[in-house]
Amino acid sequence: MSLLKILTTTSDQRHAEKHAREYRDLIRREAKIGGRIFGPVPKGGRREFFCLDKRTWVWHEEWVDAAGQRHAVTTRYDVRSNGVFKAQDGHPYQILSPDEARHLKKAVLMYNDLVKSEIYSRV
């Protein structure tokens, strides 16, 4: 392998790693903004809501109960041609009720407005 090819490969890898790191940082920022849609995050808790890809939404929440026990729930919403499905913490996907689908749609619209105004309006 030539020195030029090694240097080019190394440069390409660094560029890909930088791009992946920037993407992860952006998703984290969006997730934190999205978590505020559902109200204030309790002290010691964490809430995230974000778009993972063009058809997957994620809501993750962690909290500490009155007994000091830590809890966490992750819900994935999968938008398909035949409906919107959700899965929580490894359970099988279930179709959303019409009421829950309306709530998700409202959250997605709020998320889009907040993320657009707080992140992408500066770009």
PDB file of N, CA and C in Angstrom:
ATOM      1  N   MET A   1       0.859  -1.174   0.000  1.00  0.00           N
ATOM      2  CA  MET A   1       0.000   0.000   0.000  1.00  0.00           C
ATOM      3  C   MET A   1       0.902   1.234   0.000  1.00  0.00           C
ATOM      4  N   SER A   2       0.573   2.183  -0.827  1.00  0.00           N
ATOM      5  CA  SER A   2       1.400   3.379  -0.930  1.00  0.00           C
ATOM      6  C   SER A   2       1.130   4.325   0.231  1.00  0.00           C
ATOM      7  N   LEU A   3       2.088   5.195   0.493  1.00  0.00           N
ATOM      8  CA  LEU A   3       1.956   6.182   1.556  1.00  0.00           C
ATOM      9  C   LEU A   3       0.779   7.107   1.285  1.00  0.00           C
ATOM     10  N   LEU A   4       0.580   7.502   0.043  1.00  0.00           N
ATOM     11  CA  LEU A   4      -0.540   8.374  -0.305  1.00  0.00           C
ATOM     12  C   LEU A   4      -1.878   7.705  -0.003  1.00  0.00           C
ATOM     13  N   LYS A   5      -1.989   6.411  -0.316  1.00  0.00           N
ATOM     14  CA  LYS A   5      -3.232   5.687  -0.055  1.00  0.00           C
ATOM     15  C   LYS A   5      -3.480   5.578   1.453  1.00  0.00           C
ATOM     16  N   ILE A   6      -2.425   5.332   2.225  1.00  0.00           N
ATOM     17  CA  ILE A   6      -2.556   5.249   3.690  1.00  0.00           C
ATOM     18  C   ILE A   6      -3.016   6.589   4.252  1.00  0.00           C
ATOM     19  N   LEU A   7      -2.390   7.681   3.798  1.00  0.00           N
ATOM     20  CA  LEU A   7      -2.768   9.011   4.286  1.00  0.00           C
ATOM     21  C   LEU A   7      -4.193   9.366   3.892  1.00  0.00           C
ATOM     22  N   THR A   8      -4.593   9.012   2.673  1.00  0.00           N
ATOM     23  CA  THR A   8      -5.959   9.284   2.206  1.00  0.00           C
ATOM     24  C   THR A   8      -6.973   8.489   3.018  1.00  0.00           C
ATOM     25  N   THR A   9      -6.675   7.219   3.265  1.00  0.00           N
ATOM     26  CA  THR A   9      -7.573   6.365   4.055  1.00  0.00           C
ATOM     27  C   THR A   9      -7.712   6.904   5.473  1.00  0.00           C
ATOM     28  N   THR A  10      -6.606   7.305   6.079  1.00  0.00           N
ATOM     29  CA  THR A  10      -6.624   7.854   7.440  1.00  0.00           C
ATOM     30  C   THR A  10      -7.436   9.138   7.479  1.00  0.00           C
ATOM     31  N   SER A  11      -7.249   9.991   6.499  1.00  0.00           N
ATOM     32  CA  SER A  11      -8.001  11.242   6.424  1.00  0.00           C
ATOM     33  C   SER A  11      -9.497  10.973   6.256  1.00  0.00           C
ATOM     34  N   ASP A  12      -9.847  10.020   5.401  1.00  0.00           N
ATOM     35  CA  ASP A  12     -11.254   9.658   5.196  1.00  0.00           C
ATOM     36  C   ASP A  12     -11.876   9.125   6.486  1.00  0.00           C
ATOM     37  N   GLN A  13     -11.126   8.317   7.228  1.00  0.00           N
ATOM     38  CA  GLN A  13     -11.627   7.769   8.490  1.00  0.00           C
ATOM     39  C   GLN A  13     -11.853   8.877   9.509  1.00  0.00           C
ATOM     40  N   ARG A  14     -10.911   9.808   9.601  1.00  0.00           N
ATOM     41  CA  ARG A  14     -11.075  10.931  10.540  1.00  0.00           C
ATOM     42  C   ARG A  14     -12.285  11.772  10.165  1.00  0.00           C
ATOM     43  N   HIS A  15     -12.491  11.992   8.878  1.00  0.00           N
ATOM     44  CA  HIS A  15     -13.646  12.763   8.418  1.00  0.00           C
ATOM     45  C   HIS A  15     -14.946  12.038   8.778  1.00  0.00           C
ATOM     46  N   ALA A  16     -14.996  10.737   8.567  1.00  0.00           N
ATOM     47  CA  ALA A  16     -16.191   9.952   8.885  1.00  0.00           C
ATOM     48  C   ALA A  16     -16.451   9.965  10.392  1.00  0.00           C
ATOM     49  N   GLU A  17     -15.402   9.843  11.192  1.00  0.00           N
ATOM     50  CA  GLU A  17     -15.562   9.871  12.651  1.00  0.00           C
ATOM     51  C   GLU A  17     -16.064  11.236  13.114  1.00  0.00           C
ATOM     52  N   LYS A  18     -15.527  12.304  12.520  1.00  0.00           N
ATOM     53  CA  LYS A  18     -15.977  13.656  12.866  1.00  0.00           C
ATOM     54  C   LYS A  18     -17.448  13.836  12.498  1.00  0.00           C
ATOM     55  N   HIS A  19     -17.824  13.374  11.330  1.00  0.00           N
ATOM     56  CA  HIS A  19     -19.214  13.479  10.883  1.00  0.00           C
ATOM     57  C   HIS A  19     -20.142  12.711  11.827  1.00  0.00           C
ATOM     58  N   ALA A  20     -19.757  11.493  12.217  1.00  0.00           N
ATOM     59  CA  ALA A  20     -20.569  10.683  13.133  1.00  0.00           C
ATOM     60  C   ALA A  20     -20.689  11.362  14.492  1.00  0.00           C
ATOM     61  N   ARG A  21     -19.605  11.930  14.994  1.00  0.00           N
ATOM     62  CA  ARG A  21     -19.629  12.621  16.283  1.00  0.00           C
ATOM     63  C   ARG A  21     -20.547  13.846  16.224  1.00  0.00           C
ATOM     64  N   GLU A  22     -20.468  14.622  15.142  1.00  0.00           N
ATOM     65  CA  GLU A  22     -21.340  15.789  14.981  1.00  0.00           C
ATOM     66  C   GLU A  22     -22.803  15.380  14.898  1.00  0.00           C
ATOM     67  N   TYR A  23     -23.093  14.277  14.203  1.00  0.00           N
ATOM     68  CA  TYR A  23     -24.464  13.781  14.097  1.00  0.00           C
ATOM     69  C   TYR A  23     -24.995  13.369  15.474  1.00  0.00           C
ATOM     70  N   ARG A  24     -24.185  12.632  16.244  1.00  0.00           N
ATOM     71  CA  ARG A  24     -24.606  12.220  17.598  1.00  0.00           C
ATOM     72  C   ARG A  24     -24.863  13.430  18.491  1.00  0.00           C
ATOM     73  N   ASP A  25     -23.993  14.439  18.402  1.00  0.00           N
ATOM     74  CA  ASP A  25     -24.176  15.653  19.201  1.00  0.00           C
ATOM     75  C   ASP A  25     -25.466  16.369  18.816  1.00  0.00           C
ATOM     76  N   LEU A  26     -25.758  16.407  17.540  1.00  0.00           N
ATOM     77  CA  LEU A  26     -26.985  17.046  17.070  1.00  0.00           C
ATOM     78  C   LEU A  26     -28.217  16.290  17.565  1.00  0.00           C
ATOM     79  N   ILE A  27     -28.192  14.976  17.477  1.00  0.00           N
ATOM     80  CA  ILE A  27     -29.309  14.169  17.980  1.00  0.00           C
ATOM     81  C   ILE A  27     -29.502  14.404  19.480  1.00  0.00           C
ATOM     82  N   ARG A  28     -28.417  14.477  20.243  1.00  0.00           N
ATOM     83  CA  ARG A  28     -28.523  14.742  21.689  1.00  0.00           C
ATOM     84  C   ARG A  28     -29.173  16.093  21.958  1.00  0.00           C
ATOM     85  N   ARG A  29     -28.784  17.104  21.187  1.00  0.00           N
ATOM     86  CA  ARG A  29     -29.385  18.434  21.368  1.00  0.00           C
ATOM     87  C   ARG A  29     -30.869  18.394  21.038  1.00  0.00           C
ATOM     88  N   GLU A  30     -31.212  17.750  19.927  1.00  0.00           N
ATOM     89  CA  GLU A  30     -32.621  17.639  19.543  1.00  0.00           C
ATOM     90  C   GLU A  30     -33.411  16.869  20.600  1.00  0.00           C
ATOM     91  N   ALA A  31     -32.832  15.789  21.124  1.00  0.00           N
ATOM     92  CA  ALA A  31     -33.510  14.957  22.118  1.00  0.00           C
ATOM     93  C   ALA A  31     -33.809  15.736  23.389  1.00  0.00           C
ATOM     94  N   LYS A  32     -32.868  16.542  23.810  1.00  0.00           N
ATOM     95  CA  LYS A  32     -33.069  17.342  25.023  1.00  0.00           C
ATOM     96  C   LYS A  32     -34.178  18.371  24.810  1.00  0.00           C
ATOM     97  N   ILE A  33     -34.160  19.029  23.662  1.00  0.00           N
ATOM     98  CA  ILE A  33     -35.221  19.991  23.340  1.00  0.00           C
ATOM     99  C   ILE A  33     -36.565  19.268  23.279  1.00  0.00           C
ATOM    100  N   GLY A  34     -36.607  18.128  22.607  1.00  0.00           N
ATOM    101  CA  GLY A  34     -37.843  17.358  22.498  1.00  0.00           C
ATOM    102  C   GLY A  34     -38.383  16.907  23.844  1.00  0.00           C
ATOM    103  N   GLY A  35     -37.497  16.613  24.770  1.00  0.00           N
ATOM    104  CA  GLY A  35     -37.932  16.185  26.102  1.00  0.00           C
ATOM    105  C   GLY A  35     -38.714  17.240  26.859  1.00  0.00           C
ATOM    106  N   ARG A  36     -38.500  18.501  26.533  1.00  0.00           N
ATOM    107  CA  ARG A  36     -39.211  19.596  27.217  1.00  0.00           C
ATOM    108  C   ARG A  36     -40.671  19.692  26.803  1.00  0.00           C
ATOM    109  N   ILE A  37     -41.028  19.066  25.695  1.00  0.00           N
ATOM    110  CA  ILE A  37     -42.410  19.124  25.210  1.00  0.00           C
ATOM    111  C   ILE A  37     -43.380  18.583  26.260  1.00  0.00           C
ATOM    112  N   PHE A  38     -42.941  17.616  27.030  1.00  0.00           N
ATOM    113  CA  PHE A  38     -43.809  16.927  27.978  1.00  0.00           C
ATOM    114  C   PHE A  38     -43.778  17.545  29.372  1.00  0.00           C
ATOM    115  N   GLY A  39     -43.303  18.777  29.469  1.00  0.00           N
ATOM    116  CA  GLY A  39     -43.277  19.476  30.742  1.00  0.00           C
ATOM    117  C   GLY A  39     -41.891  19.455  31.367  1.00  0.00           C
ATOM    118  N   PRO A  40     -41.770  20.089  32.530  1.00  0.00           N
ATOM    119  CA  PRO A  40     -40.469  20.163  33.192  1.00  0.00           C
ATOM    120  C   PRO A  40     -39.968  18.774  33.594  1.00  0.00           C
ATOM    121  N   VAL A  41     -38.674  18.581  33.458  1.00  0.00           N
ATOM    122  CA  VAL A  41     -38.060  17.313  33.846  1.00  0.00           C
ATOM    123  C   VAL A  41     -37.786  17.370  35.350  1.00  0.00           C
ATOM    124  N   PRO A  42     -38.297  16.391  36.100  1.00  0.00           N
ATOM    125  CA  PRO A  42     -38.074  16.398  37.553  1.00  0.00           C
ATOM    126  C   PRO A  42     -36.581  16.320  37.891  1.00  0.00           C
ATOM    127  N   LYS A  43     -36.219  16.889  39.012  1.00  0.00           N
ATOM    128  CA  LYS A  43     -34.833  16.864  39.466  1.00  0.00           C
ATOM    129  C   LYS A  43     -34.343  15.414  39.541  1.00  0.00           C
ATOM    130  N   GLY A  44     -33.165  15.186  39.017  1.00  0.00           N
ATOM    131  CA  GLY A  44     -32.599  13.845  39.016  1.00  0.00           C
ATOM    132  C   GLY A  44     -33.118  12.971  37.886  1.00  0.00           C
ATOM    133  N   GLY A  45     -33.998  13.538  37.056  1.00  0.00           N
ATOM    134  CA  GLY A  45     -34.581  12.772  35.953  1.00  0.00           C
ATOM    135  C   GLY A  45     -33.995  13.188  34.620  1.00  0.00           C
ATOM    136  N   ARG A  46     -34.397  12.480  33.613  1.00  0.00           N
ATOM    137  CA  ARG A  46     -33.958  12.770  32.247  1.00  0.00           C
ATOM    138  C   ARG A  46     -35.092  12.391  31.310  1.00  0.00           C
ATOM    139  N   ARG A  47     -35.332  13.234  30.330  1.00  0.00           N
ATOM    140  CA  ARG A  47     -36.380  12.947  29.354  1.00  0.00           C
ATOM    141  C   ARG A  47     -35.877  13.363  27.988  1.00  0.00           C
ATOM    142  N   GLU A  48     -36.052  12.484  27.022  1.00  0.00           N
ATOM    143  CA  GLU A  48     -35.639  12.760  25.657  1.00  0.00           C
ATOM    144  C   GLU A  48     -36.744  12.325  24.698  1.00  0.00           C
ATOM    145  N   PHE A  49     -36.905  13.103  23.647  1.00  0.00           N
ATOM    146  CA  PHE A  49     -37.840  12.768  22.578  1.00  0.00           C
ATOM    147  C   PHE A  49     -37.193  13.231  21.289  1.00  0.00           C
ATOM    148  N   PHE A  50     -37.034  12.311  20.330  1.00  0.00           N
ATOM    149  CA  PHE A  50     -36.316  12.694  19.115  1.00  0.00           C
ATOM    150  C   PHE A  50     -36.656  11.779  17.950  1.00  0.00           C
ATOM    151  N   CYS A  51     -36.304  12.257  16.778  1.00  0.00           N
ATOM    152  CA  CYS A  51     -36.486  11.514  15.539  1.00  0.00           C
ATOM    153  C   CYS A  51     -35.179  10.797  15.229  1.00  0.00           C
ATOM    154  N   LEU A  52     -35.212   9.489  15.240  1.00  0.00           N
ATOM    155  CA  LEU A  52     -34.017   8.698  14.994  1.00  0.00           C
ATOM    156  C   LEU A  52     -33.714   8.603  13.501  1.00  0.00           C
ATOM    157  N   ASP A  53     -34.744   8.394  12.710  1.00  0.00           N
ATOM    158  CA  ASP A  53     -34.613   8.364  11.256  1.00  0.00           C
ATOM    159  C   ASP A  53     -35.965   8.759  10.660  1.00  0.00           C
ATOM    160  N   LYS A  54     -36.130   8.628   9.367  1.00  0.00           N
ATOM    161  CA  LYS A  54     -37.343   9.163   8.735  1.00  0.00           C
ATOM    162  C   LYS A  54     -38.639   8.495   9.185  1.00  0.00           C
ATOM    163  N   ARG A  55     -38.570   7.361   9.876  1.00  0.00           N
ATOM    164  CA  ARG A  55     -39.816   6.707  10.314  1.00  0.00           C
ATOM    165  C   ARG A  55     -39.806   6.269  11.777  1.00  0.00           C
ATOM    166  N   THR A  56     -38.763   6.616  12.535  1.00  0.00           N
ATOM    167  CA  THR A  56     -38.662   6.156  13.921  1.00  0.00           C
ATOM    168  C   THR A  56     -38.515   7.323  14.891  1.00  0.00           C
ATOM    169  N   TRP A  57     -39.385   7.333  15.895  1.00  0.00           N
ATOM    170  CA  TRP A  57     -39.329   8.333  16.965  1.00  0.00           C
ATOM    171  C   TRP A  57     -39.046   7.602  18.277  1.00  0.00           C
ATOM    172  N   VAL A  58     -38.321   8.260  19.161  1.00  0.00           N
ATOM    173  CA  VAL A  58     -37.950   7.653  20.433  1.00  0.00           C
ATOM    174  C   VAL A  58     -38.292   8.616  21.563  1.00  0.00           C
ATOM    175  N   TRP A  59     -38.911   8.061  22.617  1.00  0.00           N
ATOM    176  CA  TRP A  59     -39.155   8.807  23.855  1.00  0.00           C
ATOM    177  C   TRP A  59     -38.509   7.996  24.961  1.00  0.00           C
ATOM    178  N   HIS A  60     -37.564   8.622  25.666  1.00  0.00           N
ATOM    179  CA  HIS A  60     -36.873   7.955  26.769  1.00  0.00           C
ATOM    180  C   HIS A  60     -37.039   8.821  28.012  1.00  0.00           C
ATOM    181  N   GLU A  61     -37.369   8.164  29.113  1.00  0.00           N
ATOM    182  CA  GLU A  61     -37.527   8.911  30.366  1.00  0.00           C
ATOM    183  C   GLU A  61     -36.932   8.120  31.514  1.00  0.00           C
ATOM    184  N   GLU A  62     -36.218   8.841  32.387  1.00  0.00           N
ATOM    185  CA  GLU A  62     -35.656   8.270  33.611  1.00  0.00           C
ATOM    186  C   GLU A  62     -36.101   9.145  34.773  1.00  0.00           C
ATOM    187  N   TRP A  63     -36.401   8.514  35.903  1.00  0.00           N
ATOM    188  CA  TRP A  63     -36.808   9.266  37.082  1.00  0.00           C
ATOM    189  C   TRP A  63     -36.510   8.455  38.334  1.00  0.00           C
ATOM    190  N   VAL A  64     -36.540   9.147  39.456  1.00  0.00           N
ATOM    191  CA  VAL A  64     -36.352   8.515  40.759  1.00  0.00           C
ATOM    192  C   VAL A  64     -37.665   8.673  41.513  1.00  0.00           C
ATOM    193  N   ASP A  65     -38.201   7.544  42.010  1.00  0.00           N
ATOM    194  CA  ASP A  65     -39.484   7.611  42.719  1.00  0.00           C
ATOM    195  C   ASP A  65     -39.275   8.056  44.178  1.00  0.00           C
ATOM    196  N   ALA A  66     -40.368   8.164  44.909  1.00  0.00           N
ATOM    197  CA  ALA A  66     -40.331   8.641  46.296  1.00  0.00           C
ATOM    198  C   ALA A  66     -39.468   7.766  47.199  1.00  0.00           C
ATOM    199  N   ALA A  67     -39.318   6.484  46.846  1.00  0.00           N
ATOM    200  CA  ALA A  67     -38.507   5.563  47.645  1.00  0.00           C
ATOM    201  C   ALA A  67     -37.027   5.594  47.237  1.00  0.00           C
ATOM    202  N   GLY A  68     -36.700   6.457  46.257  1.00  0.00           N
ATOM    203  CA  GLY A  68     -35.317   6.550  45.811  1.00  0.00           C
ATOM    204  C   GLY A  68     -34.944   5.538  44.746  1.00  0.00           C
ATOM    205  N   GLN A  69     -35.922   4.799  44.247  1.00  0.00           N
ATOM    206  CA  GLN A  69     -35.684   3.786  43.212  1.00  0.00           C
ATOM    207  C   GLN A  69     -35.623   4.457  41.839  1.00  0.00           C
ATOM    208  N   ARG A  70     -34.622   4.126  41.049  1.00  0.00           N
ATOM    209  CA  ARG A  70     -34.469   4.690  39.708  1.00  0.00           C
ATOM    210  C   ARG A  70     -35.264   3.856  38.696  1.00  0.00           C
ATOM    211  N   HIS A  71     -35.966   4.540  37.801  1.00  0.00           N
ATOM    212  CA  HIS A  71     -36.772   3.897  36.763  1.00  0.00           C
ATOM    213  C   HIS A  71     -36.396   4.474  35.396  1.00  0.00           C
ATOM    214  N   ALA A  72     -36.592   3.686  34.367  1.00  0.00           N
ATOM    215  CA  ALA A  72     -36.349   4.146  32.999  1.00  0.00           C
ATOM    216  C   ALA A  72     -37.309   3.424  32.059  1.00  0.00           C
ATOM    217  N   VAL A  73     -37.836   4.164  31.106  1.00  0.00           N
ATOM    218  CA  VAL A  73     -38.719   3.601  30.088  1.00  0.00           C
ATOM    219  C   VAL A  73     -38.301   4.189  28.738  1.00  0.00           C
ATOM    220  N   THR A  74     -38.165   3.328  27.755  1.00  0.00           N
ATOM    221  CA  THR A  74     -37.876   3.765  26.393  1.00  0.00           C
ATOM    222  C   THR A  74     -38.993   3.269  25.483  1.00  0.00           C
ATOM    223  N   THR A  75     -39.576   4.181  24.745  1.00  0.00           N
ATOM    224  CA  THR A  75     -40.653   3.864  23.807  1.00  0.00           C
ATOM    225  C   THR A  75     -40.191   4.237  22.405  1.00  0.00           C
ATOM    226  N   ARG A  76     -40.297   3.283  21.505  1.00  0.00           N
ATOM    227  CA  ARG A  76     -39.990   3.521  20.083  1.00  0.00           C
ATOM    228  C   ARG A  76     -41.291   3.546  19.308  1.00  0.00           C
ATOM    229  N   TYR A  77     -41.453   4.568  18.493  1.00  0.00           N
ATOM    230  CA  TYR A  77     -42.618   4.683  17.612  1.00  0.00           C
ATOM    231  C   TYR A  77     -42.143   4.449  16.184  1.00  0.00           C
ATOM    232  N   ASP A  78     -42.768   3.520  15.514  1.00  0.00           N
ATOM    233  CA  ASP A  78     -42.400   3.149  14.150  1.00  0.00           C
ATOM    234  C   ASP A  78     -43.551   3.531  13.224  1.00  0.00           C
ATOM    235  N   VAL A  79     -43.313   4.493  12.349  1.00  0.00           N
ATOM    236  CA  VAL A  79     -44.339   4.962  11.421  1.00  0.00           C
ATOM    237  C   VAL A  79     -44.273   4.089  10.170  1.00  0.00           C
ATOM    238  N   ARG A  80     -45.354   3.365   9.931  1.00  0.00           N
ATOM    239  CA  ARG A  80     -45.426   2.448   8.786  1.00  0.00           C
ATOM    240  C   ARG A  80     -46.587   2.848   7.880  1.00  0.00           C
ATOM    241  N   SER A  81     -46.634   2.257   6.712  1.00  0.00           N
ATOM    242  CA  SER A  81     -47.713   2.581   5.771  1.00  0.00           C
ATOM    243  C   SER A  81     -49.073   2.135   6.298  1.00  0.00           C
ATOM    244  N   ASN A  82     -49.095   1.140   7.185  1.00  0.00           N
ATOM    245  CA  ASN A  82     -50.366   0.635   7.713  1.00  0.00           C
ATOM    246  C   ASN A  82     -50.656   1.101   9.134  1.00  0.00           C
ATOM    247  N   GLY A  83     -49.965   2.136   9.606  1.00  0.00           N
ATOM    248  CA  GLY A  83     -50.238   2.683  10.926  1.00  0.00           C
ATOM    249  C   GLY A  83     -48.968   3.018  11.680  1.00  0.00           C
ATOM    250  N   VAL A  84     -49.159   3.519  12.888  1.00  0.00           N
ATOM    251  CA  VAL A  84     -48.034   3.840  13.761  1.00  0.00           C
ATOM    252  C   VAL A  84     -48.024   2.802  14.880  1.00  0.00           C
ATOM    253  N   PHE A  85     -46.856   2.214  15.097  1.00  0.00           N
ATOM    254  CA  PHE A  85     -46.700   1.156  16.090  1.00  0.00           C
ATOM    255  C   PHE A  85     -45.717   1.608  17.157  1.00  0.00           C
ATOM    256  N   LYS A  86     -45.886   1.081  18.373  1.00  0.00           N
ATOM    257  CA  LYS A  86     -44.942   1.413  19.433  1.00  0.00           C
ATOM    258  C   LYS A  86     -44.492   0.152  20.145  1.00  0.00           C
ATOM    259  N   ALA A  87     -43.283   0.238  20.666  1.00  0.00           N
ATOM    260  CA  ALA A  87     -42.725  -0.845  21.488  1.00  0.00           C
ATOM    261  C   ALA A  87     -42.047  -0.192  22.677  1.00  0.00           C
ATOM    262  N   GLN A  88     -42.256  -0.775  23.857  1.00  0.00           N
ATOM    263  CA  GLN A  88     -41.626  -0.260  25.070  1.00  0.00           C
ATOM    264  C   GLN A  88     -40.736  -1.326  25.674  1.00  0.00           C
ATOM    265  N   ASP A  89     -39.499  -0.922  25.931  1.00  0.00           N
ATOM    266  CA  ASP A  89     -38.539  -1.756  26.654  1.00  0.00           C
ATOM    267  C   ASP A  89     -38.522  -3.210  26.209  1.00  0.00           C
ATOM    268  N   GLY A  90     -38.420  -3.431  24.914  1.00  0.00           N
ATOM    269  CA  GLY A  90     -38.264  -4.783  24.392  1.00  0.00           C
ATOM    270  C   GLY A  90     -39.544  -5.569  24.187  1.00  0.00           C
ATOM    271  N   HIS A  91     -40.694  -5.013  24.537  1.00  0.00           N
ATOM    272  CA  HIS A  91     -41.961  -5.694  24.286  1.00  0.00           C
ATOM    273  C   HIS A  91     -42.289  -5.610  22.795  1.00  0.00           C
ATOM    274  N   PRO A  92     -43.168  -6.474  22.308  1.00  0.00           N
ATOM    275  CA  PRO A  92     -43.521  -6.446  20.881  1.00  0.00           C
ATOM    276  C   PRO A  92     -44.232  -5.148  20.500  1.00  0.00           C
ATOM    277  N   TYR A  93     -44.136  -4.810  19.227  1.00  0.00           N
ATOM    278  CA  TYR A  93     -44.819  -3.618  18.722  1.00  0.00           C
ATOM    279  C   TYR A  93     -46.326  -3.801  18.791  1.00  0.00           C
ATOM    280  N   GLN A  94     -47.019  -2.704  19.121  1.00  0.00           N
ATOM    281  CA  GLN A  94     -48.483  -2.655  19.126  1.00  0.00           C
ATOM    282  C   GLN A  94     -48.907  -1.413  18.357  1.00  0.00           C
ATOM    283  N   ILE A  95     -50.019  -1.511  17.663  1.00  0.00           N
ATOM    284  CA  ILE A  95     -50.513  -0.347  16.928  1.00  0.00           C
ATOM    285  C   ILE A  95     -51.046   0.685  17.923  1.00  0.00           C
ATOM    286  N   LEU A  96     -50.838   1.956  17.613  1.00  0.00           N
ATOM    287  CA  LEU A  96     -51.341   3.022  18.486  1.00  0.00           C
ATOM    288  C   LEU A  96     -52.847   3.167  18.324  1.00  0.00           C
ATOM    289  N   SER A  97     -53.485   3.531  19.403  1.00  0.00           N
ATOM    290  CA  SER A  97     -54.905   3.877  19.323  1.00  0.00           C
ATOM    291  C   SER A  97     -55.004   5.212  18.594  1.00  0.00           C
ATOM    292  N   PRO A  98     -56.162   5.527  18.031  1.00  0.00           N
ATOM    293  CA  PRO A  98     -56.309   6.826  17.355  1.00  0.00           C
ATOM    294  C   PRO A  98     -55.993   8.004  18.285  1.00  0.00           C
ATOM    295  N   ASP A  99     -56.382   7.893  19.547  1.00  0.00           N
ATOM    296  CA  ASP A  99     -56.116   8.958  20.515  1.00  0.00           C
ATOM    297  C   ASP A  99     -54.607   9.125  20.743  1.00  0.00           C
ATOM    298  N   GLU A 100     -53.918   8.012  20.933  1.00  0.00           N
ATOM    299  CA  GLU A 100     -52.474   8.077  21.152  1.00  0.00           C
ATOM    300  C   GLU A 100     -51.754   8.569  19.896  1.00  0.00           C
ATOM    301  N   ALA A 101     -52.247   8.206  18.725  1.00  0.00           N
ATOM    302  CA  ALA A 101     -51.655   8.681  17.470  1.00  0.00           C
ATOM    303  C   ALA A 101     -51.798  10.201  17.349  1.00  0.00           C
ATOM    304  N   ARG A 102     -52.936  10.743  17.773  1.00  0.00           N
ATOM    305  CA  ARG A 102     -53.134  12.198  17.756  1.00  0.00           C
ATOM    306  C   ARG A 102     -52.150  12.881  18.707  1.00  0.00           C
ATOM    307  N   HIS A 103     -51.939  12.304  19.886  1.00  0.00           N
ATOM    308  CA  HIS A 103     -50.991  12.871  20.852  1.00  0.00           C
ATOM    309  C   HIS A 103     -49.563  12.840  20.282  1.00  0.00           C
ATOM    310  N   LEU A 104     -49.198  11.757  19.648  1.00  0.00           N
ATOM    311  CA  LEU A 104     -47.867  11.654  19.044  1.00  0.00           C
ATOM    312  C   LEU A 104     -47.718  12.694  17.937  1.00  0.00           C
ATOM    313  N   LYS A 105     -48.735  12.834  17.108  1.00  0.00           N
ATOM    314  CA  LYS A 105     -48.671  13.824  16.022  1.00  0.00           C
ATOM    315  C   LYS A 105     -48.468  15.224  16.584  1.00  0.00           C
ATOM    316  N   LYS A 106     -49.191  15.540  17.649  1.00  0.00           N
ATOM    317  CA  LYS A 106     -49.044  16.852  18.281  1.00  0.00           C
ATOM    318  C   LYS A 106     -47.622  17.032  18.818  1.00  0.00           C
ATOM    319  N   ALA A 107     -47.079  16.000  19.448  1.00  0.00           N
ATOM    320  CA  ALA A 107     -45.713  16.065  19.984  1.00  0.00           C
ATOM    321  C   ALA A 107     -44.697  16.240  18.854  1.00  0.00           C
ATOM    322  N   VAL A 108     -44.898  15.546  17.745  1.00  0.00           N
ATOM    323  CA  VAL A 108     -43.982  15.650  16.603  1.00  0.00           C
ATOM    324  C   VAL A 108     -44.011  17.062  16.028  1.00  0.00           C
ATOM    325  N   LEU A 109     -45.195  17.634  15.899  1.00  0.00           N
ATOM    326  CA  LEU A 109     -45.299  19.000  15.378  1.00  0.00           C
ATOM    327  C   LEU A 109     -44.627  20.001  16.314  1.00  0.00           C
ATOM    328  N   MET A 110     -44.835  19.840  17.612  1.00  0.00           N
ATOM    329  CA  MET A 110     -44.184  20.720  18.592  1.00  0.00           C
ATOM    330  C   MET A 110     -42.668  20.546  18.541  1.00  0.00           C
ATOM    331  N   TYR A 111     -42.219  19.315  18.458  1.00  0.00           N
ATOM    332  CA  TYR A 111     -40.791  19.007  18.354  1.00  0.00           C
ATOM    333  C   TYR A 111     -40.194  19.710  17.137  1.00  0.00           C
ATOM    334  N   ASN A 112     -40.845  19.545  15.986  1.00  0.00           N
ATOM    335  CA  ASN A 112     -40.335  20.164  14.762  1.00  0.00           C
ATOM    336  C   ASN A 112     -40.219  21.678  14.904  1.00  0.00           C
ATOM    337  N   ASP A 113     -41.231  22.317  15.485  1.00  0.00           N
ATOM    338  CA  ASP A 113     -41.195  23.772  15.673  1.00  0.00           C
ATOM    339  C   ASP A 113     -40.060  24.184  16.608  1.00  0.00           C
ATOM    340  N   LEU A 114     -39.933  23.497  17.748  1.00  0.00           N
ATOM    341  CA  LEU A 114     -38.892  23.855  18.717  1.00  0.00           C
ATOM    342  C   LEU A 114     -37.486  23.625  18.170  1.00  0.00           C
ATOM    343  N   VAL A 115     -37.266  22.474  17.580  1.00  0.00           N
ATOM    344  CA  VAL A 115     -35.939  22.150  17.059  1.00  0.00           C
ATOM    345  C   VAL A 115     -35.571  23.103  15.918  1.00  0.00           C
ATOM    346  N   LYS A 116     -36.536  23.376  15.081  1.00  0.00           N
ATOM    347  CA  LYS A 116     -36.284  24.298  13.966  1.00  0.00           C
ATOM    348  C   LYS A 116     -35.904  25.682  14.488  1.00  0.00           C
ATOM    349  N   SER A 117     -36.630  26.182  15.486  1.00  0.00           N
ATOM    350  CA  SER A 117     -36.354  27.530  15.988  1.00  0.00           C
ATOM    351  C   SER A 117     -35.105  27.592  16.867  1.00  0.00           C
ATOM    352  N   GLU A 118     -34.803  26.525  17.607  1.00  0.00           N
ATOM    353  CA  GLU A 118     -33.670  26.577  18.554  1.00  0.00           C
ATOM    354  C   GLU A 118     -32.353  26.093  17.962  1.00  0.00           C
ATOM    355  N   ILE A 119     -32.410  25.302  16.905  1.00  0.00           N
ATOM    356  CA  ILE A 119     -31.160  24.797  16.320  1.00  0.00           C
ATOM    357  C   ILE A 119     -30.988  25.284  14.884  1.00  0.00           C
ATOM    358  N   TYR A 120     -31.964  25.025  14.050  1.00  0.00           N
ATOM    359  CA  TYR A 120     -31.774  25.219  12.620  1.00  0.00           C
ATOM    360  C   TYR A 120     -32.051  26.639  12.133  1.00  0.00           C
ATOM    361  N   SER A 121     -32.616  27.476  12.961  1.00  0.00           N
ATOM    362  CA  SER A 121     -32.807  28.863  12.535  1.00  0.00           C
ATOM    363  C   SER A 121     -31.473  29.605  12.513  1.00  0.00           C
ATOM    364  N   ARG A 122     -30.473  29.041  13.196  1.00  0.00           N
ATOM    365  CA  ARG A 122     -29.146  29.684  13.266  1.00  0.00           C
ATOM    366  C   ARG A 122     -28.224  29.206  12.153  1.00  0.00           C
ATOM    367  N   VAL A 123     -28.655  28.216  11.406  1.00  0.00           N
ATOM    368  CA  VAL A 123     -27.785  27.641  10.371  1.00  0.00           C
ATOM    369  C   VAL A 123     -27.916  28.425   9.082  1.00  0.00           C
TER     370      VAL A 123
END
